[in-house]
Amino acid sequence: MHDILFVNARVIDTEAGLASDLVDVRISAGRIAEIGSKLDCPAATRIDANGRFMLAGLIDCHVHPFLADANISRLAEVPPTLMSARASRILERMLQRGFTSVRDAAGADWGIRQAVEEGLIKGPRLFIAGRALSQTGGHGDFRSRTDDHDVCHCQHALAFTSRIADGIDDVRRAVREELRKGADQIKIMVSGGASSPHDPLERNQYSPSEISVIVEEAERRGTYVMAHAYGADAIRVALECGVRTIEHGNMIDQATAELAAAKGAYLVPTLTTYEVLAETASESSWSETMLAKLALVREAGLESIRICRAAGVKLGFGTDLLGDSFDEQSREFLIRSQVESPAQILDSATRVNAEIVGQVDQLGVIKSGAIADLLLLDRNPLEYLSVLQDQGEHIAVIVKDGAIIKNRL
């Protein structure tokens, strides 16, 4: 792997919300070796940034590249081969948009992660959850009401999405199974959801005793639990049981946000998916009940961010897109800009998300010793978030793991 020397770049510090003066950045052996002025490395590939802005590679902490249908129940007709082919295209386009890492929130397995690591698929590095855990009748139970059989262990895309586990012994075994199969973190459903047809949005799922056992098993393996949750009470129960990241969290209230902040937990909003699902409702064939739930969480999304910011909750960045809507991934920046500054949003999508995936000072920052994931942008994202739109068109250079993915200079 050849060294790379960027000269005349302005490095973005998302935490401080500042762009540096012109500096040089040298990359060696996949990492940022040094940052300074008038650096010299004759053997390096030299790239003149010409005053462009260098940002750490983006991280999306809630993706579903294997759920390539907005109507999730239809995935029962999709074989793993087709599912993987679709996912490979989705992942490659994510990388071209500047997302060098993503956290899969159910669907991906160790095989697709390994394919990316071996270079068989061009995509962001993956932190996978395997199959999400759901109680019977919960957000991950997509059986019809006329289906009285146990959950099918068929080989189709829907079977990769979730697994049903009930009771202390069953959830303990389920966590151990997902970790055995390579999960980086455990995903659970603790409230109803919009995309599932039969579970009430506002009702809690999983008992505190079940959640506590799931957290215990994850922590024993040195990892954590991420929980799909909408209602404030479901979020509260999850936090009290030790869940580390709350996904969505649209209906959180002030008291629950203060609890999240006190526990040092993270909330990962996912707003763009609600906009896209509302715009494409006729194509997804969602029921009226599902659309009503969607309208409720969509309306509450921005307010949840205001509440969490005021309470000091650490906010990550996610998108949760489904079907053919993955090209809307960067729209999340613009939606959140209605209630947050560009620096806050960029910090969520880089440094904070790196904390979430356990890569503090390794990902999400541009500093000596960090993994060399970085973007060179035509304009200052602290002033023009639109530079991240248009499918990566305004990203001049993309580097992942010290290798040049794109270079139009």
Protein backbone atom coordinates (compact mmCIF):
# COMPACT_ATOMS: atom_id res chain seq x y z
CA MET A 1 0.00 0.00 0.00
CA HIS A 2 1.58 3.27 -1.17
CA ASP A 3 1.78 6.36 1.00
CA ILE A 4 -0.50 9.26 0.07
CA LEU A 5 0.38 12.88 0.69
CA PHE A 6 -2.38 15.48 0.60
CA VAL A 7 -1.15 19.06 0.44
CA ASN A 8 -3.04 22.33 0.90
CA ALA A 9 -6.09 20.83 2.62
CA ARG A 10 -8.35 22.36 5.25
CA VAL A 11 -9.19 19.75 7.90
CA ILE A 12 -12.69 19.83 9.42
CA ASP A 13 -12.91 19.46 13.21
CA THR A 14 -16.57 18.52 13.66
CA GLU A 15 -16.50 18.71 17.46
CA ALA A 16 -15.17 22.27 17.43
CA GLY A 17 -17.08 23.20 14.29
CA LEU A 18 -13.96 24.64 12.65
CA ALA A 19 -11.91 24.26 9.48
CA SER A 20 -8.12 24.46 9.83
CA ASP A 21 -5.72 26.61 7.90
CA LEU A 22 -3.98 24.92 4.98
CA VAL A 23 -2.15 21.77 6.10
CA ASP A 24 -0.60 18.64 4.64
CA VAL A 25 -1.77 15.14 5.60
CA ARG A 26 0.34 12.03 5.07
CA ILE A 27 -1.20 8.57 4.99
CA SER A 28 0.90 5.45 5.49
CA ALA A 29 -0.03 1.78 6.01
CA GLY A 30 -3.73 2.60 6.06
CA ARG A 31 -3.50 5.24 8.77
CA ILE A 32 -2.98 8.96 9.12
CA ALA A 33 0.74 9.21 9.81
CA GLU A 34 1.14 12.94 10.34
CA ILE A 35 -0.53 16.29 9.86
CA GLY A 36 1.57 19.42 9.43
CA SER A 37 3.01 21.94 7.02
CA LYS A 38 5.45 21.35 4.17
CA LEU A 39 5.51 17.59 4.71
CA ASP A 40 7.80 15.69 2.38
CA CYS A 41 7.44 12.12 1.15
CA PRO A 42 8.94 11.69 -2.33
CA ALA A 43 7.62 8.14 -2.77
CA ALA A 44 4.02 9.06 -1.88
CA THR A 45 1.16 9.64 -4.26
CA ARG A 46 0.79 13.41 -4.06
CA ILE A 47 -2.65 15.03 -4.21
CA ASP A 48 -2.99 18.80 -4.18
CA ALA A 49 -6.25 19.59 -2.38
CA ASN A 50 -5.96 23.19 -3.56
CA GLY A 51 -7.77 24.49 -0.48
CA ARG A 52 -10.53 21.86 -0.44
CA PHE A 53 -12.00 20.63 2.80
CA MET A 54 -11.04 17.29 4.36
CA LEU A 55 -13.69 15.49 6.40
CA ALA A 56 -13.49 12.13 8.15
CA GLY A 57 -15.33 9.36 6.32
CA LEU A 58 -19.04 9.39 7.09
CA ILE A 59 -20.67 6.69 9.24
CA ASP A 60 -24.34 5.69 9.03
CA CYS A 61 -25.36 3.87 12.21
CA HIS A 62 -28.69 2.49 11.01
CA VAL A 63 -28.79 0.83 7.59
CA HIS A 64 -30.59 -2.15 6.05
CA PRO A 65 -28.94 -2.95 2.69
CA PHE A 66 -30.45 -6.46 2.80
CA LEU A 67 -34.01 -5.13 3.17
CA ALA A 68 -34.38 -4.12 -0.45
CA ASP A 69 -38.16 -3.80 -0.35
CA ALA A 70 -40.19 -1.18 1.51
CA ASN A 71 -42.85 -3.82 2.16
CA ILE A 72 -40.75 -6.13 4.28
CA SER A 73 -43.14 -9.08 4.12
CA ARG A 74 -42.45 -9.37 0.36
CA LEU A 75 -38.86 -10.35 1.18
CA ALA A 76 -40.20 -13.86 1.74
CA GLU A 77 -40.11 -14.19 -2.06
CA VAL A 78 -36.48 -13.06 -2.38
CA PRO A 79 -33.72 -15.72 -2.25
CA PRO A 80 -30.40 -15.00 -0.52
CA THR A 81 -28.58 -14.89 -3.85
CA LEU A 82 -30.72 -12.06 -5.19
CA MET A 83 -30.69 -10.35 -1.80
CA SER A 84 -26.87 -10.35 -1.75
CA ALA A 85 -26.63 -9.05 -5.31
CA ARG A 86 -28.93 -6.16 -4.47
CA ALA A 87 -27.03 -5.45 -1.25
CA SER A 88 -23.68 -5.30 -3.05
CA ARG A 89 -24.96 -2.55 -5.36
CA ILE A 90 -26.49 -0.64 -2.41
CA LEU A 91 -23.24 -0.83 -0.42
CA GLU A 92 -21.11 0.35 -3.33
CA ARG A 93 -23.32 3.40 -3.83
CA MET A 94 -23.12 4.18 -0.10
CA LEU A 95 -19.34 4.25 -0.37
CA GLN A 96 -19.51 6.58 -3.37
CA ARG A 97 -21.64 8.96 -1.27
CA GLY A 98 -18.82 9.14 1.27
CA PHE A 99 -20.03 6.61 3.84
CA THR A 100 -16.91 4.60 4.61
CA SER A 101 -18.50 2.71 7.54
CA VAL A 102 -22.06 1.62 8.32
CA ARG A 103 -23.74 -0.20 11.16
CA ASP A 104 -26.22 -2.74 9.86
CA ALA A 105 -29.35 -2.81 12.00
CA ALA A 106 -30.55 -6.29 10.96
CA GLY A 107 -30.21 -8.37 7.82
CA ALA A 108 -26.51 -8.50 7.02
CA ASP A 109 -24.42 -11.48 8.11
CA TRP A 110 -20.72 -12.17 8.53
CA GLY A 111 -20.49 -13.32 4.90
CA ILE A 112 -21.31 -9.93 3.40
CA ARG A 113 -19.01 -8.26 5.93
CA GLN A 114 -16.20 -10.61 4.93
CA ALA A 115 -16.86 -10.00 1.24
CA VAL A 116 -16.31 -6.28 1.81
CA GLU A 117 -13.16 -6.90 3.86
CA GLU A 118 -11.73 -9.14 1.13
CA GLY A 119 -12.53 -6.59 -1.56
CA LEU A 120 -15.04 -8.83 -3.34
CA ILE A 121 -17.63 -6.09 -2.83
CA LYS A 122 -16.78 -2.40 -2.87
CA GLY A 123 -18.53 -0.92 0.10
CA PRO A 124 -18.20 0.62 3.56
CA ARG A 125 -16.88 -1.48 6.42
CA LEU A 126 -19.76 -3.19 8.17
CA PHE A 127 -20.67 -3.53 11.83
CA ILE A 128 -23.42 -6.14 11.76
CA ALA A 129 -26.30 -7.05 14.07
CA GLY A 130 -27.24 -10.31 12.36
CA ARG A 131 -30.92 -11.05 12.93
CA ALA A 132 -32.83 -8.71 15.22
CA LEU A 133 -34.53 -10.27 18.25
CA SER A 134 -38.31 -9.87 18.49
CA GLN A 135 -40.96 -11.25 20.78
CA THR A 136 -43.87 -13.18 19.29
CA GLY A 137 -46.20 -10.61 17.79
CA GLY A 138 -43.50 -7.96 17.96
CA HIS A 139 -41.95 -5.66 15.39
CA GLY A 140 -39.89 -8.49 13.93
CA ASP A 141 -42.78 -10.95 13.58
CA PHE A 142 -44.04 -10.59 10.01
CA ARG A 143 -46.34 -13.60 9.92
CA SER A 144 -49.89 -12.98 8.79
CA ARG A 145 -52.70 -13.38 11.29
CA THR A 146 -53.81 -16.50 9.44
CA ASP A 147 -50.39 -18.12 9.86
CA ASP A 148 -50.46 -20.47 12.87
CA HIS A 149 -47.11 -22.10 12.22
CA ASP A 150 -43.87 -21.52 14.07
CA VAL A 151 -41.52 -19.10 12.38
CA CYS A 152 -40.14 -20.61 9.19
CA HIS A 153 -36.41 -21.19 9.00
CA CYS A 154 -36.54 -20.84 5.24
CA GLN A 155 -33.72 -19.48 3.11
CA HIS A 156 -35.14 -16.18 1.98
CA ALA A 157 -34.36 -12.54 2.68
CA LEU A 158 -37.08 -12.18 5.30
CA ALA A 159 -35.54 -14.96 7.39
CA PHE A 160 -32.33 -12.92 7.65
CA THR A 161 -34.19 -9.95 9.12
CA SER A 162 -35.27 -11.16 12.54
CA ARG A 163 -35.73 -14.12 14.85
CA ILE A 164 -38.51 -14.72 17.37
CA ALA A 165 -37.38 -15.38 20.94
CA ASP A 166 -39.60 -15.43 24.04
CA GLY A 167 -38.70 -15.87 27.69
CA ILE A 168 -35.45 -15.76 29.61
CA ASP A 169 -33.89 -18.96 28.31
CA ASP A 170 -34.95 -18.35 24.72
CA VAL A 171 -33.61 -14.80 24.48
CA ARG A 172 -30.36 -15.86 26.16
CA ARG A 173 -29.88 -18.58 23.56
CA ALA A 174 -30.80 -16.19 20.73
CA VAL A 175 -28.16 -13.66 21.78
CA ARG A 176 -25.53 -16.36 22.02
CA GLU A 177 -26.48 -17.68 18.59
CA GLU A 178 -26.21 -14.27 16.91
CA LEU A 179 -22.87 -13.62 18.57
CA ARG A 180 -21.67 -17.09 17.54
CA LYS A 181 -22.53 -16.21 13.95
CA GLY A 182 -20.46 -13.04 14.05
CA ALA A 183 -22.73 -10.22 15.20
CA ASP A 184 -20.85 -7.10 16.29
CA GLN A 185 -23.81 -5.89 18.37
CA ILE A 186 -27.28 -7.17 19.25
CA LYS A 187 -30.47 -5.57 17.91
CA ILE A 188 -33.78 -5.95 19.76
CA MET A 189 -37.31 -4.65 19.30
CA VAL A 190 -38.77 -3.04 22.43
CA SER A 191 -41.76 -1.22 20.92
CA GLY A 192 -44.11 -1.43 17.98
CA GLY A 193 -43.06 -0.14 14.58
CA ALA A 194 -44.51 1.44 11.48
CA SER A 195 -43.38 -1.20 8.97
CA SER A 196 -44.84 -4.16 10.88
CA PRO A 197 -48.55 -4.73 10.23
CA HIS A 198 -50.05 -5.87 13.54
CA ASP A 199 -48.19 -4.44 16.58
CA PRO A 200 -49.42 -1.19 18.20
CA LEU A 201 -46.79 1.52 17.91
CA GLU A 202 -47.17 2.80 21.46
CA ARG A 203 -47.01 -0.57 23.24
CA ASN A 204 -43.87 -1.93 24.87
CA GLN A 205 -42.28 -5.17 23.72
CA TYR A 206 -40.07 -7.51 25.71
CA SER A 207 -40.30 -7.56 29.48
CA PRO A 208 -37.62 -5.89 31.61
CA SER A 209 -36.34 -9.30 32.68
CA GLU A 210 -35.90 -10.41 29.07
CA ILE A 211 -34.14 -7.16 28.10
CA SER A 212 -31.83 -7.40 31.11
CA VAL A 213 -30.75 -10.92 30.13
CA ILE A 214 -30.10 -9.81 26.54
CA VAL A 215 -27.93 -6.94 27.79
CA GLU A 216 -26.12 -9.25 30.22
CA GLU A 217 -25.24 -11.72 27.47
CA ALA A 218 -24.07 -8.99 25.10
CA GLU A 219 -21.91 -7.32 27.74
CA ARG A 220 -20.38 -10.66 28.67
CA ARG A 221 -19.04 -10.79 25.11
CA GLY A 222 -17.77 -7.21 25.26
CA THR A 223 -20.49 -5.71 23.11
CA TYR A 224 -23.82 -3.91 23.53
CA VAL A 225 -27.51 -3.81 22.64
CA MET A 226 -29.22 -1.45 20.21
CA ALA A 227 -32.99 -1.19 20.61
CA HIS A 228 -35.70 -0.21 18.17
CA ALA A 229 -37.97 2.00 20.28
CA TYR A 230 -40.52 4.74 19.65
CA GLY A 231 -42.57 5.32 22.81
CA ALA A 232 -41.11 7.12 25.80
CA ASP A 233 -41.96 4.30 28.20
CA ALA A 234 -40.34 1.66 25.98
CA ILE A 235 -37.23 3.82 25.78
CA ARG A 236 -37.23 4.26 29.55
CA VAL A 237 -37.45 0.51 30.21
CA ALA A 238 -34.67 -0.20 27.71
CA LEU A 239 -32.39 2.40 29.30
CA GLU A 240 -33.05 1.13 32.81
CA CYS A 241 -32.13 -2.37 31.64
CA GLY A 242 -28.79 -1.21 30.22
CA VAL A 243 -29.50 -0.79 26.50
CA ARG A 244 -26.75 1.41 25.05
CA THR A 245 -28.28 2.86 21.88
CA ILE A 246 -31.89 3.77 21.17
CA GLU A 247 -32.88 3.60 17.52
CA HIS A 248 -35.44 6.14 16.22
CA GLY A 249 -36.79 7.37 19.58
CA ASN A 250 -39.31 9.70 17.94
CA MET A 251 -41.75 9.84 20.83
CA ILE A 252 -39.22 10.43 23.61
CA ASP A 253 -40.15 12.94 26.31
CA GLN A 254 -38.06 15.28 28.43
CA ALA A 255 -37.79 13.01 31.47
CA THR A 256 -36.70 10.04 29.36
CA ALA A 257 -34.19 12.15 27.46
CA GLU A 258 -32.68 13.26 30.76
CA LEU A 259 -32.43 9.59 31.79
CA ALA A 260 -30.64 8.76 28.52
CA ALA A 261 -28.18 11.60 29.11
CA ALA A 262 -27.54 10.51 32.69
CA LYS A 263 -26.80 6.95 31.56
CA GLY A 264 -24.51 8.07 28.75
CA ALA A 265 -26.72 6.33 26.21
CA TYR A 266 -26.99 7.28 22.55
CA LEU A 267 -30.02 8.01 20.41
CA VAL A 268 -29.83 7.40 16.67
CA PRO A 269 -32.54 9.37 14.82
CA THR A 270 -33.61 8.14 11.37
CA LEU A 271 -35.71 10.84 9.75
CA THR A 272 -35.23 10.54 6.00
CA THR A 273 -36.91 7.13 5.85
CA TYR A 274 -40.23 8.57 7.06
CA GLU A 275 -40.21 11.21 4.33
CA VAL A 276 -39.43 8.67 1.63
CA LEU A 277 -41.98 6.13 2.87
CA ALA A 278 -44.68 8.81 2.96
CA GLU A 279 -43.83 9.88 -0.59
CA THR A 280 -43.87 6.31 -1.93
CA ALA A 281 -46.81 4.91 0.07
CA SER A 282 -48.75 3.85 -3.02
CA GLU A 283 -45.83 1.77 -4.27
CA SER A 284 -45.20 -0.06 -0.99
CA SER A 285 -48.80 -1.28 -0.56
CA TRP A 286 -48.76 -0.41 3.14
CA SER A 287 -52.05 -0.80 4.99
CA GLU A 288 -53.97 2.18 6.38
CA THR A 289 -52.93 1.13 9.89
CA MET A 290 -49.26 1.13 8.93
CA LEU A 291 -49.57 4.52 7.21
CA ALA A 292 -51.24 5.99 10.30
CA LYS A 293 -48.31 4.81 12.44
CA LEU A 294 -45.91 6.28 9.90
CA ALA A 295 -47.63 9.67 10.05
CA LEU A 296 -47.34 9.70 13.84
CA VAL A 297 -43.60 9.04 14.01
CA ARG A 298 -42.89 11.33 11.05
CA GLU A 299 -44.55 14.25 12.79
CA ALA A 300 -42.62 13.67 16.01
CA GLY A 301 -39.16 13.23 14.52
CA LEU A 302 -37.70 16.74 14.59
CA GLU A 303 -39.13 17.46 18.04
CA SER A 304 -37.35 14.39 19.43
CA ILE A 305 -34.03 15.85 18.29
CA ARG A 306 -34.82 19.19 19.94
CA ILE A 307 -35.68 17.42 23.20
CA CYS A 308 -32.54 15.29 23.16
CA ARG A 309 -30.23 18.17 22.29
CA ALA A 310 -31.66 20.21 25.17
CA ALA A 311 -31.16 17.30 27.58
CA GLY A 312 -27.59 16.63 26.47
CA VAL A 313 -28.21 13.23 24.89
CA LYS A 314 -25.48 12.04 22.54
CA LEU A 315 -27.05 11.87 19.08
CA GLY A 316 -25.81 9.53 16.38
CA PHE A 317 -26.76 9.56 12.70
CA GLY A 318 -28.84 6.94 10.89
CA THR A 319 -31.16 6.63 7.90
CA ASP A 320 -33.08 3.29 8.10
CA LEU A 321 -33.96 3.32 4.39
CA LEU A 322 -35.66 0.39 2.70
CA GLY A 323 -36.41 -0.80 -0.81
CA ASP A 324 -35.22 1.36 -3.69
CA SER A 325 -34.81 4.48 -1.55
CA PHE A 326 -31.15 4.19 -0.52
CA ASP A 327 -30.13 7.04 -2.81
CA GLU A 328 -31.94 9.32 -0.32
CA GLN A 329 -29.30 8.53 2.33
CA SER A 330 -27.65 11.98 2.35
CA ARG A 331 -31.03 13.70 2.56
CA GLU A 332 -30.82 13.02 6.31
CA PHE A 333 -28.32 15.90 6.60
CA LEU A 334 -30.78 18.39 5.12
CA ILE A 335 -33.75 17.21 7.18
CA ARG A 336 -31.83 17.49 10.44
CA SER A 337 -30.51 20.93 9.47
CA GLN A 338 -33.98 22.26 10.32
CA VAL A 339 -33.15 21.86 14.02
CA GLU A 340 -29.37 21.39 14.22
CA SER A 341 -26.26 23.17 13.03
CA PRO A 342 -24.12 21.61 10.28
CA ALA A 343 -21.34 21.01 12.82
CA GLN A 344 -23.70 19.09 15.13
CA ILE A 345 -24.95 16.90 12.29
CA LEU A 346 -21.48 16.22 10.91
CA ASP A 347 -20.22 15.38 14.39
CA SER A 348 -23.05 12.88 14.76
CA ALA A 349 -22.17 11.27 11.42
CA THR A 350 -18.46 10.99 12.20
CA ARG A 351 -17.03 11.25 15.73
CA VAL A 352 -20.16 10.28 17.70
CA ASN A 353 -21.00 7.36 15.43
CA ALA A 354 -17.41 6.16 15.80
CA GLU A 355 -18.00 6.07 19.56
CA ILE A 356 -21.16 4.05 19.00
CA VAL A 357 -19.36 1.36 16.97
CA GLY A 358 -16.48 1.23 19.45
CA GLN A 359 -13.91 2.98 17.28
CA VAL A 360 -12.99 6.05 19.35
CA ASP A 361 -10.00 7.88 17.82
CA GLN A 362 -9.88 5.25 15.07
CA LEU A 363 -12.77 6.32 12.86
CA GLY A 364 -14.71 9.57 12.56
CA VAL A 365 -11.71 11.85 13.13
CA ILE A 366 -8.73 13.17 11.22
CA LYS A 367 -5.79 12.87 13.59
CA SER A 368 -2.45 11.08 13.71
CA GLY A 369 -2.89 7.36 14.27
CA ALA A 370 -6.51 7.20 13.10
CA ILE A 371 -7.60 4.88 10.31
CA ALA A 372 -7.33 6.76 7.02
CA ASP A 373 -10.99 7.11 6.07
CA LEU A 374 -11.46 10.58 4.65
CA LEU A 375 -13.23 12.71 2.09
CA LEU A 376 -12.03 15.75 0.18
CA LEU A 377 -14.96 18.09 -0.44
CA ASP A 378 -15.30 20.91 -2.94
CA ARG A 379 -16.92 23.25 -0.39
CA ASN A 380 -16.94 23.71 3.37
CA PRO A 381 -19.61 21.36 4.81
CA LEU A 382 -19.84 23.54 7.92
CA GLU A 383 -21.38 26.18 5.68
CA TYR A 384 -22.78 24.15 2.79
CA LEU A 385 -24.28 20.80 3.81
CA SER A 386 -25.44 20.52 0.21
CA VAL A 387 -21.87 19.49 -0.67
CA LEU A 388 -22.85 16.00 0.58
CA GLN A 389 -25.84 15.74 -1.77
CA ASP A 390 -26.06 14.50 -5.39
CA GLN A 391 -24.69 11.00 -4.80
CA GLY A 392 -21.13 12.09 -4.02
CA GLU A 393 -20.75 14.36 -7.03
CA HIS A 394 -19.08 17.07 -4.92
CA ILE A 395 -16.62 14.70 -3.23
CA ALA A 396 -13.34 15.04 -5.08
CA VAL A 397 -11.50 12.22 -3.28
CA ILE A 398 -12.61 9.27 -1.15
CA VAL A 399 -10.08 7.28 0.85
CA LYS A 400 -10.97 4.17 2.86
CA ASP A 401 -8.41 2.23 4.90
CA GLY A 402 -5.67 4.28 3.27
CA ALA A 403 -6.69 3.24 -0.26
CA ILE A 404 -7.99 5.70 -2.84
CA ILE A 405 -11.56 4.78 -3.78
CA LYS A 406 -12.23 7.85 -5.91
CA ASN A 407 -9.98 10.62 -7.20
CA ARG A 408 -11.10 13.14 -9.77
CA LEU A 409 -8.26 15.61 -9.15
